[in-house]
Amino acid sequence: MSTTNDFGVWEGGEHTTELPANFDDGVYFIGRIHTPWNSRKDCPKNARESDAVCAVELNPRWTQGLKDVESCSHLVLLYWMDKSPRNLVLQVPGHYGVRRGTFALRSPARPNPIAT
């Protein structure tokens, strides 16, 4: 039996906090990134630790924004981790085995689940 809640709070010492009633601002999602990970524990700590193939799907309304993108040496994708719990303040990551503060980790569980 699993001791995790796929992307939610893990048993064994994780703590949550109450989220604010309102958001501070908003964003426009310009597409989706499809990954093979179905739970938080499956997500790699570092992208270099994985050979997974992910796909980027751009919403057609933003296609013109790709004009001349081939002239760039790098593209940086910021993405929203939609299944990530946003109220965790203390976590117990498997690779440390001890409780640590959310901001001391590279966990996908964070108040603003934005990643690169």
PDB file of N, CA and C in Angstrom:
ATOM      1  N   MET A   1       0.843  -1.191   0.000  1.00  0.00           N
ATOM      2  CA  MET A   1       0.000   0.000   0.000  1.00  0.00           C
ATOM      3  C   MET A   1       0.883   1.248   0.000  1.00  0.00           C
ATOM      4  N   SER A   2       0.538   2.196  -0.800  1.00  0.00           N
ATOM      5  CA  SER A   2       1.314   3.433  -0.905  1.00  0.00           C
ATOM      6  C   SER A   2       1.115   4.319   0.311  1.00  0.00           C
ATOM      7  N   THR A   3       2.202   4.991   0.719  1.00  0.00           N
ATOM      8  CA  THR A   3       2.094   5.929   1.833  1.00  0.00           C
ATOM      9  C   THR A   3       2.054   7.360   1.324  1.00  0.00           C
ATOM     10  N   THR A   4       1.799   7.522   0.036  1.00  0.00           N
ATOM     11  CA  THR A   4       1.750   8.867  -0.529  1.00  0.00           C
ATOM     12  C   THR A   4       0.377   9.163  -1.095  1.00  0.00           C
ATOM     13  N   ASN A   5       0.118  10.398  -1.294  1.00  0.00           N
ATOM     14  CA  ASN A   5      -1.083  10.886  -1.942  1.00  0.00           C
ATOM     15  C   ASN A   5      -0.596  11.498  -3.248  1.00  0.00           C
ATOM     16  N   ASP A   6      -0.391  10.694  -4.255  1.00  0.00           N
ATOM     17  CA  ASP A   6       0.270  11.013  -5.515  1.00  0.00           C
ATOM     18  C   ASP A   6       1.002  12.355  -5.538  1.00  0.00           C
ATOM     19  N   PHE A   7       0.301  13.468  -5.567  1.00  0.00           N
ATOM     20  CA  PHE A   7       0.955  14.768  -5.593  1.00  0.00           C
ATOM     21  C   PHE A   7       0.685  15.566  -4.332  1.00  0.00           C
ATOM     22  N   GLY A   8      -0.026  15.002  -3.412  1.00  0.00           N
ATOM     23  CA  GLY A   8      -0.422  15.731  -2.214  1.00  0.00           C
ATOM     24  C   GLY A   8       0.513  15.564  -1.036  1.00  0.00           C
ATOM     25  N   VAL A   9      -0.052  15.628   0.156  1.00  0.00           N
ATOM     26  CA  VAL A   9       0.718  15.565   1.399  1.00  0.00           C
ATOM     27  C   VAL A   9       1.130  14.121   1.671  1.00  0.00           C
ATOM     28  N   TRP A  10       2.398  13.933   1.978  1.00  0.00           N
ATOM     29  CA  TRP A  10       2.915  12.604   2.296  1.00  0.00           C
ATOM     30  C   TRP A  10       2.807  12.359   3.790  1.00  0.00           C
ATOM     31  N   GLU A  11       2.559  11.118   4.150  1.00  0.00           N
ATOM     32  CA  GLU A  11       2.548  10.728   5.557  1.00  0.00           C
ATOM     33  C   GLU A  11       3.981  10.765   6.080  1.00  0.00           C
ATOM     34  N   GLY A  12       4.133  10.929   7.363  1.00  0.00           N
ATOM     35  CA  GLY A  12       5.465  10.851   7.942  1.00  0.00           C
ATOM     36  C   GLY A  12       6.091  12.188   8.286  1.00  0.00           C
ATOM     37  N   GLY A  13       5.275  13.203   8.547  1.00  0.00           N
ATOM     38  CA  GLY A  13       5.850  14.440   9.045  1.00  0.00           C
ATOM     39  C   GLY A  13       5.693  15.670   8.192  1.00  0.00           C
ATOM     40  N   GLU A  14       5.020  15.573   7.069  1.00  0.00           N
ATOM     41  CA  GLU A  14       4.828  16.777   6.268  1.00  0.00           C
ATOM     42  C   GLU A  14       3.733  17.642   6.891  1.00  0.00           C
ATOM     43  N   HIS A  15       3.905  18.958   6.776  1.00  0.00           N
ATOM     44  CA  HIS A  15       2.954  19.899   7.368  1.00  0.00           C
ATOM     45  C   HIS A  15       2.489  20.889   6.318  1.00  0.00           C
ATOM     46  N   THR A  16       1.242  21.296   6.437  1.00  0.00           N
ATOM     47  CA  THR A  16       0.663  22.267   5.514  1.00  0.00           C
ATOM     48  C   THR A  16       0.349  23.564   6.252  1.00  0.00           C
ATOM     49  N   THR A  17       0.022  24.591   5.474  1.00  0.00           N
ATOM     50  CA  THR A  17      -0.419  25.859   6.032  1.00  0.00           C
ATOM     51  C   THR A  17      -1.655  26.295   5.266  1.00  0.00           C
ATOM     52  N   GLU A  18      -2.407  27.212   5.818  1.00  0.00           N
ATOM     53  CA  GLU A  18      -3.595  27.726   5.140  1.00  0.00           C
ATOM     54  C   GLU A  18      -3.165  28.659   4.009  1.00  0.00           C
ATOM     55  N   LEU A  19      -3.765  28.492   2.849  1.00  0.00           N
ATOM     56  CA  LEU A  19      -3.456  29.352   1.708  1.00  0.00           C
ATOM     57  C   LEU A  19      -4.233  30.660   1.801  1.00  0.00           C
ATOM     58  N   PRO A  20      -3.705  31.748   1.214  1.00  0.00           N
ATOM     59  CA  PRO A  20      -4.436  33.019   1.209  1.00  0.00           C
ATOM     60  C   PRO A  20      -5.782  32.862   0.493  1.00  0.00           C
ATOM     61  N   ALA A  21      -6.727  33.695   0.837  1.00  0.00           N
ATOM     62  CA  ALA A  21      -8.065  33.621   0.243  1.00  0.00           C
ATOM     63  C   ALA A  21      -8.049  33.991  -1.236  1.00  0.00           C
ATOM     64  N   ASN A  22      -7.160  34.896  -1.646  1.00  0.00           N
ATOM     65  CA  ASN A  22      -7.114  35.367  -3.034  1.00  0.00           C
ATOM     66  C   ASN A  22      -5.702  35.254  -3.595  1.00  0.00           C
ATOM     67  N   PHE A  23      -5.633  35.103  -4.914  1.00  0.00           N
ATOM     68  CA  PHE A  23      -4.349  35.088  -5.603  1.00  0.00           C
ATOM     69  C   PHE A  23      -3.838  36.514  -5.741  1.00  0.00           C
ATOM     70  N   ASP A  24      -2.517  36.663  -5.835  1.00  0.00           N
ATOM     71  CA  ASP A  24      -1.922  37.982  -6.011  1.00  0.00           C
ATOM     72  C   ASP A  24      -2.020  38.476  -7.453  1.00  0.00           C
ATOM     73  N   ASP A  25      -1.999  37.564  -8.407  1.00  0.00           N
ATOM     74  CA  ASP A  25      -1.991  37.960  -9.811  1.00  0.00           C
ATOM     75  C   ASP A  25      -2.439  36.791 -10.662  1.00  0.00           C
ATOM     76  N   GLY A  26      -2.261  36.897 -11.959  1.00  0.00           N
ATOM     77  CA  GLY A  26      -2.664  35.832 -12.859  1.00  0.00           C
ATOM     78  C   GLY A  26      -1.622  35.609 -13.934  1.00  0.00           C
ATOM     79  N   VAL A  27      -1.765  34.507 -14.650  1.00  0.00           N
ATOM     80  CA  VAL A  27      -0.869  34.190 -15.759  1.00  0.00           C
ATOM     81  C   VAL A  27      -1.700  33.694 -16.935  1.00  0.00           C
ATOM     82  N   TYR A  28      -1.110  33.744 -18.121  1.00  0.00           N
ATOM     83  CA  TYR A  28      -1.701  33.142 -19.308  1.00  0.00           C
ATOM     84  C   TYR A  28      -0.901  31.889 -19.624  1.00  0.00           C
ATOM     85  N   PHE A  29      -1.553  30.769 -19.645  1.00  0.00           N
ATOM     86  CA  PHE A  29      -0.871  29.542 -20.047  1.00  0.00           C
ATOM     87  C   PHE A  29      -0.794  29.541 -21.564  1.00  0.00           C
ATOM     88  N   ILE A  30       0.403  29.345 -22.104  1.00  0.00           N
ATOM     89  CA  ILE A  30       0.572  29.379 -23.559  1.00  0.00           C
ATOM     90  C   ILE A  30       0.647  27.980 -24.160  1.00  0.00           C
ATOM     91  N   GLY A  31       0.617  26.980 -23.335  1.00  0.00           N
ATOM     92  CA  GLY A  31       0.656  25.608 -23.829  1.00  0.00           C
ATOM     93  C   GLY A  31       0.691  24.627 -22.676  1.00  0.00           C
ATOM     94  N   ARG A  32       1.097  23.427 -22.980  1.00  0.00           N
ATOM     95  CA  ARG A  32       1.168  22.356 -21.987  1.00  0.00           C
ATOM     96  C   ARG A  32       2.459  21.582 -22.195  1.00  0.00           C
ATOM     97  N   ILE A  33       3.002  21.083 -21.102  1.00  0.00           N
ATOM     98  CA  ILE A  33       4.125  20.154 -21.168  1.00  0.00           C
ATOM     99  C   ILE A  33       3.603  18.815 -20.684  1.00  0.00           C
ATOM    100  N   HIS A  34       3.795  17.790 -21.485  1.00  0.00           N
ATOM    101  CA  HIS A  34       3.354  16.449 -21.134  1.00  0.00           C
ATOM    102  C   HIS A  34       4.571  15.651 -20.668  1.00  0.00           C
ATOM    103  N   THR A  35       4.478  15.076 -19.461  1.00  0.00           N
ATOM    104  CA  THR A  35       5.578  14.306 -18.883  1.00  0.00           C
ATOM    105  C   THR A  35       5.089  12.899 -18.533  1.00  0.00           C
ATOM    106  N   PRO A  36       6.014  11.980 -18.300  1.00  0.00           N
ATOM    107  CA  PRO A  36       5.616  10.616 -17.935  1.00  0.00           C
ATOM    108  C   PRO A  36       5.375  10.421 -16.443  1.00  0.00           C
ATOM    109  N   TRP A  37       5.540  11.453 -15.617  1.00  0.00           N
ATOM    110  CA  TRP A  37       5.460  11.281 -14.173  1.00  0.00           C
ATOM    111  C   TRP A  37       4.030  11.414 -13.676  1.00  0.00           C
ATOM    112  N   ASN A  38       3.613  10.428 -12.903  1.00  0.00           N
ATOM    113  CA  ASN A  38       2.241  10.388 -12.401  1.00  0.00           C
ATOM    114  C   ASN A  38       2.138  10.662 -10.913  1.00  0.00           C
ATOM    115  N   SER A  39       3.258  10.814 -10.228  1.00  0.00           N
ATOM    116  CA  SER A  39       3.230  11.112  -8.799  1.00  0.00           C
ATOM    117  C   SER A  39       4.453  11.948  -8.435  1.00  0.00           C
ATOM    118  N   ARG A  40       4.382  12.645  -7.335  1.00  0.00           N
ATOM    119  CA  ARG A  40       5.461  13.513  -6.876  1.00  0.00           C
ATOM    120  C   ARG A  40       6.739  12.723  -6.629  1.00  0.00           C
ATOM    121  N   LYS A  41       6.617  11.516  -6.057  1.00  0.00           N
ATOM    122  CA  LYS A  41       7.805  10.718  -5.751  1.00  0.00           C
ATOM    123  C   LYS A  41       8.528  10.261  -7.016  1.00  0.00           C
ATOM    124  N   ASP A  42       7.843  10.242  -8.145  1.00  0.00           N
ATOM    125  CA  ASP A  42       8.463   9.826  -9.404  1.00  0.00           C
ATOM    126  C   ASP A  42       9.233  10.952 -10.089  1.00  0.00           C
ATOM    127  N   CYS A  43       8.940  12.199  -9.735  1.00  0.00           N
ATOM    128  CA  CYS A  43       9.596  13.332 -10.381  1.00  0.00           C
ATOM    129  C   CYS A  43      11.077  13.333 -10.021  1.00  0.00           C
ATOM    130  N   PRO A  44      11.956  13.512 -11.015  1.00  0.00           N
ATOM    131  CA  PRO A  44      13.387  13.531 -10.705  1.00  0.00           C
ATOM    132  C   PRO A  44      13.767  14.777  -9.913  1.00  0.00           C
ATOM    133  N   LYS A  45      14.735  14.640  -9.035  1.00  0.00           N
ATOM    134  CA  LYS A  45      15.229  15.777  -8.258  1.00  0.00           C
ATOM    135  C   LYS A  45      15.909  16.779  -9.178  1.00  0.00           C
ATOM    136  N   ASN A  46      16.543  16.264 -10.213  1.00  0.00           N
ATOM    137  CA  ASN A  46      17.281  17.087 -11.162  1.00  0.00           C
ATOM    138  C   ASN A  46      17.018  16.518 -12.551  1.00  0.00           C
ATOM    139  N   ALA A  47      16.774  17.368 -13.523  1.00  0.00           N
ATOM    140  CA  ALA A  47      16.466  16.913 -14.885  1.00  0.00           C
ATOM    141  C   ALA A  47      17.576  16.035 -15.452  1.00  0.00           C
ATOM    142  N   ARG A  48      18.807  16.269 -15.042  1.00  0.00           N
ATOM    143  CA  ARG A  48      19.920  15.458 -15.551  1.00  0.00           C
ATOM    144  C   ARG A  48      19.859  14.022 -15.047  1.00  0.00           C
ATOM    145  N   GLU A  49      19.009  13.750 -14.075  1.00  0.00           N
ATOM    146  CA  GLU A  49      18.863  12.399 -13.526  1.00  0.00           C
ATOM    147  C   GLU A  49      17.861  11.563 -14.318  1.00  0.00           C
ATOM    148  N   SER A  50      17.310  12.113 -15.372  1.00  0.00           N
ATOM    149  CA  SER A  50      16.254  11.424 -16.104  1.00  0.00           C
ATOM    150  C   SER A  50      16.526  11.427 -17.607  1.00  0.00           C
ATOM    151  N   ASP A  51      16.161  10.326 -18.235  1.00  0.00           N
ATOM    152  CA  ASP A  51      16.218  10.227 -19.692  1.00  0.00           C
ATOM    153  C   ASP A  51      14.827  10.340 -20.301  1.00  0.00           C
ATOM    154  N   ALA A  52      13.865  10.772 -19.501  1.00  0.00           N
ATOM    155  CA  ALA A  52      12.472  10.837 -19.946  1.00  0.00           C
ATOM    156  C   ALA A  52      12.308  11.793 -21.118  1.00  0.00           C
ATOM    157  N   VAL A  53      11.393  11.454 -21.991  1.00  0.00           N
ATOM    158  CA  VAL A  53      11.048  12.314 -23.116  1.00  0.00           C
ATOM    159  C   VAL A  53       9.733  13.005 -22.780  1.00  0.00           C
ATOM    160  N   CYS A  54       9.756  14.324 -22.808  1.00  0.00           N
ATOM    161  CA  CYS A  54       8.565  15.120 -22.539  1.00  0.00           C
ATOM    162  C   CYS A  54       8.195  15.861 -23.813  1.00  0.00           C
ATOM    163  N   ALA A  55       6.947  16.270 -23.939  1.00  0.00           N
ATOM    164  CA  ALA A  55       6.490  16.974 -25.129  1.00  0.00           C
ATOM    165  C   ALA A  55       5.898  18.329 -24.756  1.00  0.00           C
ATOM    166  N   VAL A  56       6.203  19.328 -25.570  1.00  0.00           N
ATOM    167  CA  VAL A  56       5.657  20.666 -25.382  1.00  0.00           C
ATOM    168  C   VAL A  56       4.583  20.882 -26.449  1.00  0.00           C
ATOM    169  N   GLU A  57       3.403  21.278 -25.999  1.00  0.00           N
ATOM    170  CA  GLU A  57       2.278  21.542 -26.897  1.00  0.00           C
ATOM    171  C   GLU A  57       1.904  23.017 -26.756  1.00  0.00           C
ATOM    172  N   LEU A  58       2.158  23.796 -27.789  1.00  0.00           N
ATOM    173  CA  LEU A  58       1.880  25.227 -27.783  1.00  0.00           C
ATOM    174  C   LEU A  58       0.457  25.487 -28.261  1.00  0.00           C
ATOM    175  N   ASN A  59      -0.267  26.335 -27.547  1.00  0.00           N
ATOM    176  CA  ASN A  59      -1.595  26.729 -27.987  1.00  0.00           C
ATOM    177  C   ASN A  59      -1.435  27.491 -29.309  1.00  0.00           C
ATOM    178  N   PRO A  60      -2.207  27.146 -30.337  1.00  0.00           N
ATOM    179  CA  PRO A  60      -2.043  27.766 -31.662  1.00  0.00           C
ATOM    180  C   PRO A  60      -2.101  29.297 -31.659  1.00  0.00           C
ATOM    181  N   ARG A  61      -2.800  29.913 -30.712  1.00  0.00           N
ATOM    182  CA  ARG A  61      -2.884  31.377 -30.703  1.00  0.00           C
ATOM    183  C   ARG A  61      -1.516  32.027 -30.520  1.00  0.00           C
ATOM    184  N   TRP A  62      -0.532  31.293 -29.970  1.00  0.00           N
ATOM    185  CA  TRP A  62       0.796  31.851 -29.689  1.00  0.00           C
ATOM    186  C   TRP A  62       1.840  31.458 -30.736  1.00  0.00           C
ATOM    187  N   THR A  63       1.429  30.776 -31.787  1.00  0.00           N
ATOM    188  CA  THR A  63       2.369  30.285 -32.797  1.00  0.00           C
ATOM    189  C   THR A  63       3.226  31.394 -33.411  1.00  0.00           C
ATOM    190  N   GLN A  64       2.647  32.547 -33.684  1.00  0.00           N
ATOM    191  CA  GLN A  64       3.428  33.639 -34.281  1.00  0.00           C
ATOM    192  C   GLN A  64       4.575  34.081 -33.370  1.00  0.00           C
ATOM    193  N   GLY A  65       4.449  33.849 -32.098  1.00  0.00           N
ATOM    194  CA  GLY A  65       5.508  34.196 -31.157  1.00  0.00           C
ATOM    195  C   GLY A  65       6.774  33.368 -31.347  1.00  0.00           C
ATOM    196  N   LEU A  66       6.681  32.289 -32.135  1.00  0.00           N
ATOM    197  CA  LEU A  66       7.848  31.460 -32.412  1.00  0.00           C
ATOM    198  C   LEU A  66       8.654  31.967 -33.610  1.00  0.00           C
ATOM    199  N   LYS A  67       8.199  33.036 -34.255  1.00  0.00           N
ATOM    200  CA  LYS A  67       8.913  33.565 -35.424  1.00  0.00           C
ATOM    201  C   LYS A  67      10.369  33.834 -35.071  1.00  0.00           C
ATOM    202  N   ASP A  68      11.271  33.282 -35.846  1.00  0.00           N
ATOM    203  CA  ASP A  68      12.727  33.432 -35.715  1.00  0.00           C
ATOM    204  C   ASP A  68      13.313  32.775 -34.469  1.00  0.00           C
ATOM    205  N   VAL A  69      12.553  31.915 -33.793  1.00  0.00           N
ATOM    206  CA  VAL A  69      13.067  31.262 -32.595  1.00  0.00           C
ATOM    207  C   VAL A  69      14.267  30.367 -32.914  1.00  0.00           C
ATOM    208  N   GLU A  70      14.361  29.903 -34.146  1.00  0.00           N
ATOM    209  CA  GLU A  70      15.490  29.039 -34.519  1.00  0.00           C
ATOM    210  C   GLU A  70      16.832  29.775 -34.444  1.00  0.00           C
ATOM    211  N   SER A  71      16.792  31.103 -34.397  1.00  0.00           N
ATOM    212  CA  SER A  71      18.036  31.871 -34.283  1.00  0.00           C
ATOM    213  C   SER A  71      18.543  31.930 -32.834  1.00  0.00           C
ATOM    214  N   CYS A  72      17.766  31.436 -31.897  1.00  0.00           N
ATOM    215  CA  CYS A  72      18.155  31.453 -30.480  1.00  0.00           C
ATOM    216  C   CYS A  72      18.976  30.207 -30.148  1.00  0.00           C
ATOM    217  N   SER A  73      19.967  30.374 -29.308  1.00  0.00           N
ATOM    218  CA  SER A  73      20.779  29.221 -28.909  1.00  0.00           C
ATOM    219  C   SER A  73      20.086  28.399 -27.823  1.00  0.00           C
ATOM    220  N   HIS A  74      19.229  29.028 -27.014  1.00  0.00           N
ATOM    221  CA  HIS A  74      18.530  28.339 -25.939  1.00  0.00           C
ATOM    222  C   HIS A  74      17.105  28.890 -25.803  1.00  0.00           C
ATOM    223  N   LEU A  75      16.228  28.036 -25.359  1.00  0.00           N
ATOM    224  CA  LEU A  75      14.879  28.455 -24.973  1.00  0.00           C
ATOM    225  C   LEU A  75      14.689  28.059 -23.513  1.00  0.00           C
ATOM    226  N   VAL A  76      14.129  28.941 -22.737  1.00  0.00           N
ATOM    227  CA  VAL A  76      13.840  28.646 -21.338  1.00  0.00           C
ATOM    228  C   VAL A  76      12.328  28.534 -21.208  1.00  0.00           C
ATOM    229  N   LEU A  77      11.881  27.393 -20.733  1.00  0.00           N
ATOM    230  CA  LEU A  77      10.455  27.176 -20.524  1.00  0.00           C
ATOM    231  C   LEU A  77      10.160  27.261 -19.038  1.00  0.00           C
ATOM    232  N   LEU A  78       9.285  28.161 -18.677  1.00  0.00           N
ATOM    233  CA  LEU A  78       8.761  28.217 -17.316  1.00  0.00           C
ATOM    234  C   LEU A  78       7.420  27.508 -17.353  1.00  0.00           C
ATOM    235  N   TYR A  79       7.191  26.631 -16.412  1.00  0.00           N
ATOM    236  CA  TYR A  79       5.927  25.912 -16.437  1.00  0.00           C
ATOM    237  C   TYR A  79       5.314  25.818 -15.050  1.00  0.00           C
ATOM    238  N   TRP A  80       4.017  25.621 -15.057  1.00  0.00           N
ATOM    239  CA  TRP A  80       3.200  25.544 -13.854  1.00  0.00           C
ATOM    240  C   TRP A  80       2.967  24.069 -13.547  1.00  0.00           C
ATOM    241  N   MET A  81       3.386  23.649 -12.364  1.00  0.00           N
ATOM    242  CA  MET A  81       3.192  22.255 -11.960  1.00  0.00           C
ATOM    243  C   MET A  81       1.790  22.128 -11.360  1.00  0.00           C
ATOM    244  N   ASP A  82       0.825  21.848 -12.204  1.00  0.00           N
ATOM    245  CA  ASP A  82      -0.592  21.935 -11.851  1.00  0.00           C
ATOM    246  C   ASP A  82      -1.048  20.969 -10.770  1.00  0.00           C
ATOM    247  N   LYS A  83      -0.374  19.853 -10.585  1.00  0.00           N
ATOM    248  CA  LYS A  83      -0.810  18.877  -9.578  1.00  0.00           C
ATOM    249  C   LYS A  83      -0.052  19.017  -8.268  1.00  0.00           C
ATOM    250  N   SER A  84       0.853  19.949  -8.210  1.00  0.00           N
ATOM    251  CA  SER A  84       1.700  20.107  -7.042  1.00  0.00           C
ATOM    252  C   SER A  84       0.940  20.723  -5.873  1.00  0.00           C
ATOM    253  N   PRO A  85       1.073  20.154  -4.658  1.00  0.00           N
ATOM    254  CA  PRO A  85       0.436  20.780  -3.509  1.00  0.00           C
ATOM    255  C   PRO A  85       1.085  22.134  -3.240  1.00  0.00           C
ATOM    256  N   ARG A  86       0.291  23.117  -2.882  1.00  0.00           N
ATOM    257  CA  ARG A  86       0.784  24.479  -2.723  1.00  0.00           C
ATOM    258  C   ARG A  86       0.836  24.919  -1.269  1.00  0.00           C
ATOM    259  N   ASN A  87       0.433  24.065  -0.350  1.00  0.00           N
ATOM    260  CA  ASN A  87       0.349  24.472   1.047  1.00  0.00           C
ATOM    261  C   ASN A  87       1.361  23.775   1.950  1.00  0.00           C
ATOM    262  N   LEU A  88       2.315  23.052   1.392  1.00  0.00           N
ATOM    263  CA  LEU A  88       3.310  22.365   2.225  1.00  0.00           C
ATOM    264  C   LEU A  88       4.387  23.330   2.701  1.00  0.00           C
ATOM    265  N   VAL A  89       4.648  23.332   3.977  1.00  0.00           N
ATOM    266  CA  VAL A  89       5.725  24.153   4.531  1.00  0.00           C
ATOM    267  C   VAL A  89       6.859  23.278   5.067  1.00  0.00           C
ATOM    268  N   LEU A  90       6.565  22.056   5.463  1.00  0.00           N
ATOM    269  CA  LEU A  90       7.574  21.088   5.882  1.00  0.00           C
ATOM    270  C   LEU A  90       7.376  19.820   5.069  1.00  0.00           C
ATOM    271  N   GLN A  91       8.483  19.287   4.560  1.00  0.00           N
ATOM    272  CA  GLN A  91       8.423  18.084   3.735  1.00  0.00           C
ATOM    273  C   GLN A  91       9.478  17.086   4.209  1.00  0.00           C
ATOM    274  N   VAL A  92       9.269  15.816   3.855  1.00  0.00           N
ATOM    275  CA  VAL A  92      10.218  14.761   4.181  1.00  0.00           C
ATOM    276  C   VAL A  92      10.590  14.054   2.880  1.00  0.00           C
ATOM    277  N   PRO A  93      11.531  14.630   2.126  1.00  0.00           N
ATOM    278  CA  PRO A  93      11.906  14.006   0.857  1.00  0.00           C
ATOM    279  C   PRO A  93      12.645  12.691   1.077  1.00  0.00           C
ATOM    280  N   GLY A  94      12.387  11.737   0.198  1.00  0.00           N
ATOM    281  CA  GLY A  94      12.984  10.411   0.334  1.00  0.00           C
ATOM    282  C   GLY A  94      14.498  10.407   0.331  1.00  0.00           C
ATOM    283  N   HIS A  95      15.122  11.274  -0.446  1.00  0.00           N
ATOM    284  CA  HIS A  95      16.581  11.253  -0.539  1.00  0.00           C
ATOM    285  C   HIS A  95      17.261  11.846   0.695  1.00  0.00           C
ATOM    286  N   TYR A  96      16.535  12.629   1.522  1.00  0.00           N
ATOM    287  CA  TYR A  96      17.094  13.144   2.775  1.00  0.00           C
ATOM    288  C   TYR A  96      16.619  12.316   3.961  1.00  0.00           C
ATOM    289  N   GLY A  97      15.354  11.925   3.923  1.00  0.00           N
ATOM    290  CA  GLY A  97      14.784  11.140   5.009  1.00  0.00           C
ATOM    291  C   GLY A  97      14.510  11.921   6.284  1.00  0.00           C
ATOM    292  N   VAL A  98      14.725  13.228   6.273  1.00  0.00           N
ATOM    293  CA  VAL A  98      14.433  14.064   7.428  1.00  0.00           C
ATOM    294  C   VAL A  98      13.580  15.243   6.975  1.00  0.00           C
ATOM    295  N   ARG A  99      12.832  15.786   7.910  1.00  0.00           N
ATOM    296  CA  ARG A  99      11.945  16.908   7.609  1.00  0.00           C
ATOM    297  C   ARG A  99      12.761  18.162   7.326  1.00  0.00           C
ATOM    298  N   ARG A 100      12.394  18.853   6.236  1.00  0.00           N
ATOM    299  CA  ARG A 100      13.065  20.101   5.867  1.00  0.00           C
ATOM    300  C   ARG A 100      12.010  21.105   5.429  1.00  0.00           C
ATOM    301  N   GLY A 101      12.365  22.375   5.501  1.00  0.00           N
ATOM    302  CA  GLY A 101      11.467  23.424   5.035  1.00  0.00           C
ATOM    303  C   GLY A 101      11.352  23.415   3.521  1.00  0.00           C
ATOM    304  N   THR A 102      10.175  23.718   3.009  1.00  0.00           N
ATOM    305  CA  THR A 102       9.919  23.715   1.567  1.00  0.00           C
ATOM    306  C   THR A 102      10.940  24.530   0.786  1.00  0.00           C
ATOM    307  N   PHE A 103      11.345  25.699   1.317  1.00  0.00           N
ATOM    308  CA  PHE A 103      12.247  26.561   0.568  1.00  0.00           C
ATOM    309  C   PHE A 103      13.699  26.100   0.636  1.00  0.00           C
ATOM    310  N   ALA A 104      13.968  25.042   1.407  1.00  0.00           N
ATOM    311  CA  ALA A 104      15.310  24.457   1.464  1.00  0.00           C
ATOM    312  C   ALA A 104      15.415  23.254   0.535  1.00  0.00           C
ATOM    313  N   LEU A 105      14.390  23.033  -0.268  1.00  0.00           N
ATOM    314  CA  LEU A 105      14.331  21.864  -1.148  1.00  0.00           C
ATOM    315  C   LEU A 105      14.102  22.270  -2.599  1.00  0.00           C
ATOM    316  N   ARG A 106      14.334  21.341  -3.484  1.00  0.00           N
ATOM    317  CA  ARG A 106      14.012  21.534  -4.897  1.00  0.00           C
ATOM    318  C   ARG A 106      12.737  20.764  -5.246  1.00  0.00           C
ATOM    319  N   SER A 107      11.882  20.598  -4.289  1.00  0.00           N
ATOM    320  CA  SER A 107      10.652  19.843  -4.445  1.00  0.00           C
ATOM    321  C   SER A 107       9.678  20.554  -5.379  1.00  0.00           C
ATOM    322  N   PRO A 108       8.883  19.783  -6.123  1.00  0.00           N
ATOM    323  CA  PRO A 108       7.834  20.399  -6.940  1.00  0.00           C
ATOM    324  C   PRO A 108       6.672  20.936  -6.098  1.00  0.00           C
ATOM    325  N   ALA A 109       6.625  20.573  -4.825  1.00  0.00           N
ATOM    326  CA  ALA A 109       5.570  21.050  -3.929  1.00  0.00           C
ATOM    327  C   ALA A 109       6.005  22.374  -3.325  1.00  0.00           C
ATOM    328  N   ARG A 110       5.348  23.461  -3.746  1.00  0.00           N
ATOM    329  CA  ARG A 110       5.695  24.794  -3.244  1.00  0.00           C
ATOM    330  C   ARG A 110       4.531  25.753  -3.478  1.00  0.00           C
ATOM    331  N   PRO A 111       4.483  26.885  -2.762  1.00  0.00           N
ATOM    332  CA  PRO A 111       3.347  27.804  -2.867  1.00  0.00           C
ATOM    333  C   PRO A 111       3.091  28.305  -4.286  1.00  0.00           C
ATOM    334  N   ASN A 112       4.130  28.595  -5.021  1.00  0.00           N
ATOM    335  CA  ASN A 112       4.009  28.992  -6.424  1.00  0.00           C
ATOM    336  C   ASN A 112       4.723  27.939  -7.242  1.00  0.00           C
ATOM    337  N   PRO A 113       3.990  26.937  -7.729  1.00  0.00           N
ATOM    338  CA  PRO A 113       4.625  25.791  -8.369  1.00  0.00           C
ATOM    339  C   PRO A 113       5.108  26.100  -9.792  1.00  0.00           C
ATOM    340  N   ILE A 114       6.057  27.013  -9.873  1.00  0.00           N
ATOM    341  CA  ILE A 114       6.637  27.405 -11.161  1.00  0.00           C
ATOM    342  C   ILE A 114       8.002  26.732 -11.265  1.00  0.00           C
ATOM    343  N   ALA A 115       8.290  26.121 -12.391  1.00  0.00           N
ATOM    344  CA  ALA A 115       9.556  25.422 -12.588  1.00  0.00           C
ATOM    345  C   ALA A 115      10.161  25.820 -13.933  1.00  0.00           C
ATOM    346  N   THR A 116      11.420  25.468 -14.122  1.00  0.00           N
ATOM    347  CA  THR A 116      12.078  25.696 -15.421  1.00  0.00           C
ATOM    348  C   THR A 116      12.453  24.375 -16.040  1.00  0.00           C
TER     349      THR A 116
END
